[in-house]
Each structure stands twice: as C-alpha cells, then as structure tokens.
Protein backbone atom coordinates (compact mmCIF):
# COMPACT_ATOMS: atom_id res chain seq x y z
CA MET A 1 -83.45 22.76 -65.96
CA THR A 2 -81.35 25.35 -63.94
CA ASN A 3 -79.34 24.24 -61.28
CA SER A 4 -81.49 25.58 -58.58
CA GLU A 5 -84.49 24.00 -60.22
CA LEU A 6 -82.55 20.63 -60.68
CA ILE A 7 -81.91 20.79 -56.64
CA GLN A 8 -85.32 21.34 -56.00
CA ALA A 9 -86.29 18.52 -58.28
CA PHE A 10 -84.15 16.53 -56.13
CA THR A 11 -85.31 17.53 -52.98
CA ASP A 12 -88.85 16.70 -54.19
CA LEU A 13 -87.77 13.40 -54.94
CA TYR A 14 -85.43 12.33 -52.14
CA GLY A 15 -86.56 14.66 -49.36
CA PRO A 16 -84.58 17.95 -47.64
CA GLY A 17 -81.54 17.89 -45.84
CA GLY A 18 -78.02 16.95 -46.41
CA GLU A 19 -75.20 18.45 -48.81
CA ILE A 20 -76.52 18.41 -52.31
CA ARG A 21 -73.71 18.58 -54.51
CA LEU A 22 -73.65 19.13 -58.46
CA PHE A 23 -71.41 17.75 -61.46
CA HIS A 24 -71.50 18.65 -65.21
CA SER A 25 -69.95 16.71 -68.11
CA PRO A 26 -70.32 18.21 -71.35
CA GLY A 27 -71.56 16.07 -74.61
CA ARG A 28 -68.98 16.72 -77.60
CA VAL A 29 -69.03 17.79 -81.50
CA ASN A 30 -66.19 16.42 -83.54
CA LEU A 31 -65.36 18.76 -85.77
CA ILE A 32 -63.37 16.35 -88.27
CA GLY A 33 -61.71 12.94 -87.63
CA GLU A 34 -64.39 10.45 -87.68
CA HIS A 35 -63.64 6.82 -87.40
CA THR A 36 -60.33 7.62 -86.57
CA ASP A 37 -59.77 7.08 -83.10
CA TYR A 38 -59.85 3.45 -82.65
CA ASN A 39 -57.55 2.97 -85.54
CA GLY A 40 -54.93 5.36 -83.33
CA GLY A 41 -55.43 8.29 -85.27
CA TYR A 42 -56.15 12.36 -85.05
CA VAL A 43 -59.51 13.56 -83.84
CA PHE A 44 -60.72 17.00 -83.29
CA PRO A 45 -63.72 17.68 -81.21
CA ALA A 46 -64.85 20.30 -78.87
CA ALA A 47 -66.58 20.08 -75.96
CA LEU A 48 -70.36 21.43 -75.93
CA SER A 49 -72.80 23.51 -73.47
CA MET A 50 -75.16 20.55 -73.52
CA GLY A 51 -74.52 17.52 -71.18
CA THR A 52 -75.12 15.92 -67.97
CA THR A 53 -75.24 17.45 -64.76
CA ILE A 54 -75.88 15.49 -61.83
CA ALA A 55 -77.48 16.32 -58.25
CA LEU A 56 -76.33 13.92 -55.38
CA ARG A 57 -76.25 13.35 -52.00
CA LYS A 58 -74.00 10.67 -49.90
CA ARG A 59 -75.84 8.02 -47.88
CA THR A 60 -74.87 6.00 -44.99
CA ASP A 61 -75.41 2.68 -46.88
CA HIS A 62 -73.91 0.88 -50.13
CA VAL A 63 -76.97 1.70 -51.97
CA ILE A 64 -77.41 3.97 -55.10
CA ARG A 65 -80.60 4.99 -56.44
CA MET A 66 -80.52 7.31 -59.40
CA LYS A 67 -83.04 8.60 -61.82
CA ALA A 68 -82.99 11.00 -64.96
CA THR A 69 -85.33 13.74 -64.86
CA ASP A 70 -87.07 12.74 -68.11
CA LEU A 71 -87.67 9.21 -67.31
CA PRO A 72 -90.33 7.99 -64.39
CA ASP A 73 -88.21 5.37 -62.56
CA VAL A 74 -85.73 5.16 -59.91
CA VAL A 75 -83.23 2.55 -60.24
CA THR A 76 -81.40 0.98 -57.30
CA ILE A 77 -77.60 -0.24 -57.41
CA ASP A 78 -76.21 -2.51 -54.77
CA LEU A 79 -72.60 -1.26 -54.45
CA ASP A 80 -71.67 -4.98 -53.09
CA ASP A 81 -72.38 -6.52 -56.43
CA LEU A 82 -72.43 -4.89 -59.43
CA SER A 83 -72.51 -7.67 -62.12
CA GLY A 84 -76.49 -7.72 -62.74
CA TYR A 85 -77.27 -4.34 -64.07
CA LYS A 86 -75.77 -4.72 -67.96
CA ASP A 87 -79.47 -4.87 -69.02
CA LEU A 88 -81.18 -1.98 -67.68
CA PHE A 89 -83.10 0.42 -69.80
CA TRP A 90 -81.12 3.33 -68.47
CA GLY A 91 -78.33 3.07 -65.71
CA ASN A 92 -76.34 0.27 -67.25
CA TYR A 93 -73.69 2.87 -68.14
CA GLN A 94 -73.34 3.87 -64.83
CA ALA A 95 -73.13 0.54 -63.16
CA GLY A 96 -70.47 -0.21 -65.73
CA VAL A 97 -68.16 2.88 -64.66
CA LEU A 98 -69.06 2.19 -60.85
CA ASP A 99 -67.55 -1.34 -61.64
CA GLU A 100 -64.34 -0.15 -63.47
CA LEU A 101 -63.68 2.73 -60.59
CA GLN A 102 -64.21 -0.63 -57.93
CA GLN A 103 -61.38 -2.35 -59.91
CA ASP A 104 -59.35 0.35 -60.15
CA GLY A 105 -58.85 0.64 -56.36
CA HIS A 106 -62.00 3.18 -55.64
CA THR A 107 -63.83 3.55 -52.63
CA LEU A 108 -67.40 3.33 -53.52
CA VAL A 109 -70.34 5.08 -51.48
CA GLY A 110 -73.67 4.78 -51.71
CA CYS A 111 -75.81 7.99 -52.96
CA ASP A 112 -78.80 9.57 -53.94
CA MET A 113 -78.61 10.88 -57.62
CA LEU A 114 -81.06 12.87 -59.86
CA TYR A 115 -79.51 13.12 -63.62
CA ASP A 116 -80.67 15.93 -65.85
CA ASP A 117 -79.67 15.66 -69.56
CA THR A 118 -79.81 18.23 -72.24
CA LEU A 119 -78.20 16.16 -74.88
CA PRO A 120 -80.50 14.12 -77.63
CA HIS A 121 -79.73 10.76 -76.85
CA GLY A 122 -78.66 8.59 -79.69
CA GLY A 123 -78.00 11.61 -81.50
CA GLY A 124 -74.55 11.42 -81.84
CA LEU A 125 -73.24 13.97 -79.68
CA SER A 126 -72.10 11.09 -76.66
CA SER A 127 -74.33 11.42 -74.35
CA SER A 128 -73.33 8.51 -73.00
CA ALA A 129 -69.74 9.68 -72.61
CA ALA A 130 -71.22 12.42 -70.73
CA ILE A 131 -72.96 10.15 -68.16
CA GLU A 132 -69.84 8.00 -67.93
CA VAL A 133 -67.44 10.93 -67.20
CA ALA A 134 -69.95 12.71 -64.73
CA THR A 135 -70.48 9.38 -62.84
CA ALA A 136 -66.84 8.60 -63.07
CA LEU A 137 -65.86 12.09 -61.65
CA VAL A 138 -68.55 12.11 -58.66
CA PHE A 139 -67.34 9.18 -57.52
CA ALA A 140 -63.66 9.42 -58.11
CA THR A 141 -63.93 12.65 -56.14
CA LEU A 142 -66.23 10.91 -53.06
CA SER A 143 -63.36 8.67 -52.97
CA ASN A 144 -60.63 11.25 -52.87
CA GLU A 145 -62.32 12.68 -50.28
CA ALA A 146 -62.94 9.33 -48.07
CA LYS A 147 -59.34 9.00 -48.08
CA GLY A 148 -58.03 12.50 -47.30
CA ILE A 149 -56.53 13.06 -51.15
CA LYS A 150 -56.51 16.56 -51.95
CA GLU A 151 -55.17 16.43 -55.08
CA PRO A 152 -57.94 17.16 -57.83
CA VAL A 153 -59.03 14.21 -59.90
CA ASN A 154 -57.45 13.25 -62.84
CA MET A 155 -59.51 13.73 -65.61
CA ILE A 156 -57.84 11.53 -68.40
CA ASP A 157 -58.13 8.59 -65.79
CA MET A 158 -62.02 9.72 -66.03
CA ALA A 159 -61.82 9.40 -69.55
CA LEU A 160 -60.12 5.94 -69.85
CA ILE A 161 -62.49 4.51 -67.09
CA GLY A 162 -65.51 5.84 -69.11
CA GLN A 163 -64.14 4.34 -72.03
CA ARG A 164 -63.17 0.64 -70.07
CA ALA A 165 -66.90 0.62 -68.74
CA GLU A 166 -68.47 0.96 -72.58
CA ASN A 167 -65.87 -1.80 -73.61
CA ASN A 168 -66.25 -3.93 -70.90
CA TYR A 169 -69.62 -3.82 -69.13
CA ILE A 170 -71.65 -2.60 -72.22
CA GLY A 171 -70.03 -4.23 -74.87
CA VAL A 172 -69.51 -1.33 -77.49
CA ASN A 173 -65.68 -1.49 -78.54
CA CYS A 174 -65.54 2.50 -78.75
CA GLY A 175 -62.48 4.53 -78.96
CA ILE A 176 -61.26 7.17 -76.30
CA MET A 177 -62.13 10.58 -78.20
CA ASP A 178 -66.11 10.76 -76.51
CA GLN A 179 -65.14 10.37 -73.22
CA PHE A 180 -61.69 12.17 -73.70
CA ALA A 181 -63.51 15.06 -75.05
CA SER A 182 -65.81 15.18 -72.23
CA ALA A 183 -63.13 14.86 -69.68
CA MET A 184 -60.69 17.71 -71.00
CA GLY A 185 -62.80 20.40 -73.00
CA LYS A 186 -61.85 23.86 -72.73
CA GLU A 187 -64.29 26.68 -73.54
CA ASN A 188 -63.62 28.22 -77.03
CA HIS A 189 -61.03 25.74 -77.89
CA ALA A 190 -61.18 22.11 -80.01
CA ILE A 191 -58.94 19.17 -78.90
CA PHE A 192 -56.37 18.30 -81.16
CA LEU A 193 -55.64 14.60 -80.01
CA ARG A 194 -53.73 11.58 -81.10
CA CYS A 195 -55.62 8.79 -79.88
CA SER A 196 -52.87 6.16 -79.94
CA ASP A 197 -50.65 8.00 -77.05
CA LEU A 198 -53.38 10.33 -75.95
CA SER A 199 -50.58 13.08 -76.56
CA TYR A 200 -53.18 16.56 -77.21
CA ASP A 201 -53.44 19.88 -78.18
CA LEU A 202 -56.00 22.82 -77.32
CA ILE A 203 -56.72 24.90 -80.42
CA PRO A 204 -58.23 28.05 -80.11
CA LEU A 205 -61.31 28.25 -82.24
CA GLN A 206 -61.74 31.76 -83.78
CA MET A 207 -65.14 32.09 -84.35
CA GLU A 208 -65.79 35.84 -84.80
CA GLY A 209 -68.14 35.73 -87.33
CA TYR A 210 -68.76 32.40 -87.77
CA SER A 211 -71.29 29.60 -85.71
CA LEU A 212 -71.46 26.03 -85.87
CA ILE A 213 -74.83 24.50 -86.24
CA ILE A 214 -75.80 21.06 -85.17
CA ALA A 215 -78.65 19.22 -86.80
CA ASN A 216 -79.82 16.28 -85.14
CA THR A 217 -81.66 13.79 -87.72
CA ASN A 218 -83.86 12.25 -84.89
CA LYS A 219 -83.39 8.73 -86.48
CA LYS A 220 -82.86 6.85 -83.42
CA ARG A 221 -79.41 4.09 -83.34
CA GLY A 222 -77.48 2.87 -80.90
CA LEU A 223 -73.72 1.85 -81.13
CA ALA A 224 -74.23 -1.79 -79.78
CA ASP A 225 -77.05 -2.18 -82.51
CA SER A 226 -75.30 -0.65 -85.69
CA LYS A 227 -72.38 -1.83 -87.90
CA TYR A 228 -69.77 -0.18 -85.82
CA ASN A 229 -68.18 -2.95 -84.45
CA GLU A 230 -68.34 -4.52 -87.92
CA ARG A 231 -66.56 -1.54 -89.40
CA ARG A 232 -63.92 -2.02 -86.64
CA ALA A 233 -63.27 -5.58 -87.51
CA GLU A 234 -62.55 -4.35 -91.07
CA CYS A 235 -60.02 -1.76 -90.08
CA GLU A 236 -58.33 -4.43 -88.25
CA GLU A 237 -58.63 -6.85 -91.16
CA ALA A 238 -56.70 -4.03 -93.38
CA PHE A 239 -54.34 -3.14 -90.81
CA LYS A 240 -53.12 -6.89 -90.86
CA ASN A 241 -52.89 -6.96 -94.58
CA LEU A 242 -51.02 -3.46 -94.68
CA GLN A 243 -48.75 -4.80 -91.79
CA THR A 244 -47.13 -7.48 -94.86
CA VAL A 245 -45.63 -4.87 -96.39
CA LEU A 246 -45.52 -2.22 -93.93
CA PRO A 247 -44.04 -3.98 -90.97
CA THR A 248 -43.34 -1.00 -89.09
CA ILE A 249 -46.56 0.35 -88.54
CA GLU A 250 -48.46 0.03 -85.23
CA ASN A 251 -51.97 1.30 -86.27
CA LEU A 252 -53.94 1.75 -89.41
CA THR A 253 -53.55 5.66 -89.78
CA ASP A 254 -49.44 5.34 -89.15
CA VAL A 255 -50.04 4.66 -93.04
CA SER A 256 -49.40 7.75 -95.37
CA ILE A 257 -51.28 8.55 -98.28
CA SER A 258 -48.69 7.63 -100.76
CA ASP A 259 -47.94 4.32 -98.75
CA PHE A 260 -51.54 3.56 -99.04
CA GLU A 261 -51.45 4.03 -102.61
CA ALA A 262 -48.59 2.36 -103.71
CA HIS A 263 -49.50 -0.98 -101.49
CA GLN A 264 -53.28 -0.89 -101.21
CA ASN A 265 -53.65 -3.69 -103.52
CA VAL A 266 -52.46 -5.85 -100.21
CA ILE A 267 -56.09 -5.59 -99.21
CA LYS A 268 -57.71 -7.97 -101.28
CA ASN A 269 -61.05 -7.43 -100.43
CA GLU A 270 -62.47 -4.25 -102.00
CA THR A 271 -64.47 -3.13 -99.48
CA VAL A 272 -62.05 -3.34 -96.60
CA ARG A 273 -59.85 -1.55 -98.99
CA ARG A 274 -62.54 1.33 -99.32
CA ARG A 275 -62.67 1.42 -95.28
CA ALA A 276 -58.78 1.96 -94.95
CA LYS A 277 -59.03 4.50 -97.68
CA HIS A 278 -61.44 6.34 -95.68
CA VAL A 279 -59.32 6.17 -92.52
CA VAL A 280 -55.76 6.78 -93.88
CA THR A 281 -57.28 10.27 -95.83
CA GLU A 282 -59.54 11.31 -92.71
CA ASN A 283 -56.43 10.91 -90.50
CA ALA A 284 -54.55 13.59 -93.30
CA ARG A 285 -57.55 15.91 -93.59
CA VAL A 286 -57.41 16.56 -89.80
CA LEU A 287 -53.60 17.45 -89.84
CA LYS A 288 -54.78 19.83 -93.01
CA SER A 289 -57.69 21.19 -90.55
CA ILE A 290 -55.45 22.46 -87.64
CA GLU A 291 -52.84 24.08 -90.43
CA ALA A 292 -55.97 26.09 -91.81
CA LEU A 293 -57.30 27.19 -88.61
CA LYS A 294 -53.90 28.24 -87.37
CA ALA A 295 -53.82 30.31 -90.37
CA GLY A 296 -57.28 31.76 -90.06
CA ASP A 297 -58.62 30.25 -93.33
CA MET A 298 -61.99 29.08 -92.44
CA THR A 299 -63.11 28.62 -96.32
CA SER A 300 -60.08 25.72 -96.65
CA PHE A 301 -61.52 24.04 -93.18
CA GLY A 302 -64.99 24.20 -94.33
CA GLU A 303 -63.83 22.19 -97.42
CA LEU A 304 -62.53 19.72 -95.28
CA MET A 305 -65.20 19.18 -93.36
CA ASN A 306 -67.14 18.55 -96.82
CA ALA A 307 -64.83 16.19 -98.05
CA SER A 308 -64.71 14.31 -94.56
CA HIS A 309 -68.79 13.91 -94.92
CA ASP A 310 -68.16 12.58 -98.50
CA SER A 311 -65.65 9.75 -97.74
CA LEU A 312 -67.72 8.68 -94.87
CA ARG A 313 -70.59 8.48 -97.20
CA ASP A 314 -69.11 6.52 -100.02
CA ASP A 315 -65.83 4.89 -98.46
CA TYR A 316 -66.55 4.10 -95.01
CA GLU A 317 -70.67 4.01 -95.83
CA VAL A 318 -71.96 5.47 -92.43
CA THR A 319 -73.96 8.05 -93.05
CA GLY A 320 -77.29 7.09 -94.88
CA ILE A 321 -80.39 9.11 -96.64
CA GLU A 322 -81.18 11.19 -93.29
CA LEU A 323 -77.57 12.59 -92.78
CA ASP A 324 -76.97 13.16 -96.26
CA THR A 325 -80.14 14.79 -97.16
CA LEU A 326 -79.27 17.17 -94.09
CA VAL A 327 -75.53 17.73 -95.58
CA ALA A 328 -76.68 18.16 -99.44
CA GLU A 329 -79.34 20.73 -98.21
CA THR A 330 -77.39 22.50 -96.35
CA ARG A 331 -74.35 22.91 -98.43
CA LYS A 332 -76.84 24.80 -101.34
CA ILE A 333 -77.12 27.80 -98.87
CA PRO A 334 -74.31 30.71 -99.43
CA GLY A 335 -72.64 31.43 -96.55
CA VAL A 336 -72.26 27.74 -95.71
CA LEU A 337 -68.71 26.71 -95.35
CA GLY A 338 -68.51 23.32 -94.91
CA SER A 339 -71.20 20.72 -93.67
CA ARG A 340 -70.50 16.94 -92.57
CA MET A 341 -71.84 14.07 -89.97
CA THR A 342 -70.38 13.80 -86.91
CA GLY A 343 -70.57 10.85 -84.57
CA ALA A 344 -70.41 7.04 -85.44
CA GLY A 345 -73.11 7.99 -87.96
CA PHE A 346 -76.17 5.54 -89.13
CA GLY A 347 -78.34 8.61 -88.05
CA GLY A 348 -77.15 10.90 -85.15
CA CYS A 349 -76.21 14.19 -86.21
CA THR A 350 -74.26 16.49 -88.87
CA VAL A 351 -72.23 19.68 -87.85
CA THR A 352 -71.92 23.12 -89.90
CA LEU A 353 -69.49 25.76 -90.08
CA ALA A 354 -71.58 28.95 -91.77
CA LYS A 355 -71.48 32.50 -91.63
CA THR A 356 -73.35 33.68 -88.22
CA GLU A 357 -75.66 36.05 -90.41
CA VAL A 358 -76.70 33.03 -92.17
CA CYS A 359 -77.74 30.35 -89.69
CA GLU A 360 -81.41 31.22 -89.42
CA ALA A 361 -82.11 30.75 -93.08
CA VAL A 362 -80.22 27.42 -92.56
CA ILE A 363 -82.12 26.03 -90.01
CA LYS A 364 -85.47 27.44 -91.64
CA SER A 365 -84.62 26.28 -95.11
CA VAL A 366 -82.84 22.78 -94.40
CA GLY A 367 -85.64 22.27 -91.67
CA LYS A 368 -88.27 22.55 -94.56
CA ALA A 369 -86.47 20.67 -97.02
CA TYR A 370 -85.60 17.86 -94.83
CA GLU A 371 -89.25 17.14 -93.41
CA GLU A 372 -90.42 17.22 -96.50
CA LYS A 373 -88.28 14.18 -97.71
CA ILE A 374 -87.86 12.50 -94.69
CA GLY A 375 -91.23 12.96 -93.28
CA TYR A 376 -90.63 13.69 -89.64
CA PRO A 377 -88.28 17.01 -88.73
CA ALA A 378 -84.68 17.76 -87.68
CA SER A 379 -83.82 19.48 -84.55
CA PHE A 380 -81.11 22.03 -84.78
CA TYR A 381 -78.99 23.26 -82.24
CA LEU A 382 -76.48 26.54 -81.83
CA SER A 383 -74.38 25.47 -78.75
CA SER A 384 -71.07 27.35 -77.46
CA ILE A 385 -67.54 25.21 -77.01
CA GLU A 386 -67.61 25.02 -73.12
CA ASP A 387 -65.44 23.24 -70.36
CA GLY A 388 -65.10 19.31 -69.64
CA GLY A 389 -66.20 17.67 -66.47
CA HIS A 390 -66.22 19.71 -63.61
CA GLU A 391 -68.07 20.17 -59.94
CA ILE A 392 -70.42 23.26 -60.48
CA ARG A 393 -69.66 25.15 -56.89
C-alpha cells in the first residue's frame, strides 16, 4: 500500500492523534556469492524496492503493540520482560531485535506499530532481515532522540543487531549479508562485501538495456527448518580439516582454488569436500564478477551466475526441483545472460539477468513451463535497486 494508505490503516487500527512516523528497510537479492557469507567470504547483494515499511506512534508506557497489514492479530510485547516471545508466529524477530538493542544499551520506548511487507515471506529475499533492520532503526532512532543524541544511527550497527537477534533469539546461525544489504544498500548499486571484516565497496550497476527478473518458486520454507545449519557445520568441518595443512587460514574462503585442489584430500568426507569446493569456487566467482561488471562485460557476468547455480545444485545441494526448473527453463530463452538461485535455497527465488526486451517473454514462457511441471504457479517481479534502511520524511 502507499504511505498515505498505511497511515490511514494505522489510524483506523490505533485511533487518531499524535505524530505518526514511517520507516522503511528493503529486502535484498544476492546477485552472486551464495553460502560464502558465514564462511568469511565475498558476497554481492543489492537492496530491492520491495521491503518492510513501518508506521508507528510512541506510547507513554513500556508496551509495544504491533500488527502486520496481512495478518489479523495485534501482538503485544512487554518491554520489561522480552524473554517470552521466541515462539510467536509473527513478532519473534522484532522481539529478538528489541532484546539485542536493550543489551546494547539503548533505551526502549513503547510504541504502536503497523508493518506493511511487500516481500514474499519465505521467498529468499530476506523479508526477515528487512523486518529486523527496520525495527532496529526505529528503536535506535527513538533511543537516540530520548538521549538528545543528534548523530544519525549507525546502520552497520543496525545490521549487526539484526544478525545477533536471529542468531541468539531465533536460533538461526545466519551470516551478515542479508542485514548488511538491507541496512547499507544504495540506489543503482550493488554491495561488494567481505563478510569476515565488513569491508565493502559500492559497485554501480550499468543496467541500460538489461533487467533483473526475480522468480519466486512459491515453495514455502524457513531457514530454521531447513538444512542451513547442517551446511554451516559441514563448512566448519572442512575448514578444520584444511587448517591442518594450511595453518594461516582464518576462514574457509581464505583458501585459494589452487590450494584447495592441492590439499582437498585432507577432507576425508566426500560430501564435506564438495561443500568446501562450492565455497572456495564461489568466492572466486564473486571476484571475477566484479572485474566483469567494472569492464561492462555483462555476458561474462551472466556466465558466472550460471556457474554459481550449477555449483549450488551439484556441490552444495541446496536447490531442488523447483529452483532447478525455473533456472533451466529460463536459460532456454535467447536474450537471457544468466540465471541462478538466490538466498539460502531449499525453495525461495531465482534471479535472472536478461535483455530488457525479452523480460515479458521470459515471464510468460517460464511461468507456463513451471506450472505445468511443478503443479502450481511461480511469481515474477521486476524490481529496481534502491536505498537501504531509512526514515521516510
């Protein structure tokens, strides 16, 4: 809904009066660099125009009332005891952020809040990170104002708050990429991020004549219920094995392709070896992608996207028939440069780089083939690349 419609919906729900403010944080699409973030490697996400917008008004007590525009119930949270909300169907991510903010020394204030999410939940476009970053930004802003602090909120801190909330409160051992992209995105740029130290560079996306198509499998999955933590444990095992012969490495992504090829047999478990192969080669693909984009070589970038998906399918095994069908059908169409899954996998979305002139044909043809094979439709989005978390003035 529009901002004015959201404010009206807020007023209808909570009543008129007082100052109603709006905050927004985007979802993200990762263009390449999958499952490298928690291995300390490089990723290349961009912030989407789709995301989470919050309308809010301060209260005079320590109570938070929050609701989503697409859910029926109002959730009430007591700021004096944040321990009892981990199992909420909706609202647990917000409670986790509040808990981390409180531990970080922020002064929390009561609010009435209405969330409007335009991202598909469980679609791999980081709807949870958008909620986390938007919530953190709201309450860090209000805390600073209460303390008379005039400096803007540090958005990298908001990304870290969101990650810790997911790790500590929700119990998902996620990396930093999703929250960082939601917090630090910039219009018409992607973020070249090294996850081990949060060093980053903003890379302009020269998209004249090209578009990004996001296709949602509409297969629902949650990270906490997936094999995400299993893959992370496998990477940790591979790292420990390789560290016995490469003692100076600090992360799995510190291993070069040549060193991996020379020492891979130290990883006795064949499955774990393939997981490591994906991470090492994917990290190298990100670096090659930056070179290609800086040179304006979109064809090479598309080829690297294809290689990324194939590695995620064959070595990391996080795709599945839904994602593989979307990618295979999309690659058949002339004018498509590259297509791959994006996000954690096990369902979720693909991202495709295509000539703008063929986007309509891609959506029509792939949508038909997907529904015929899978039995239910996919959803397609053409999204622009926008700014990270901010207050809407």
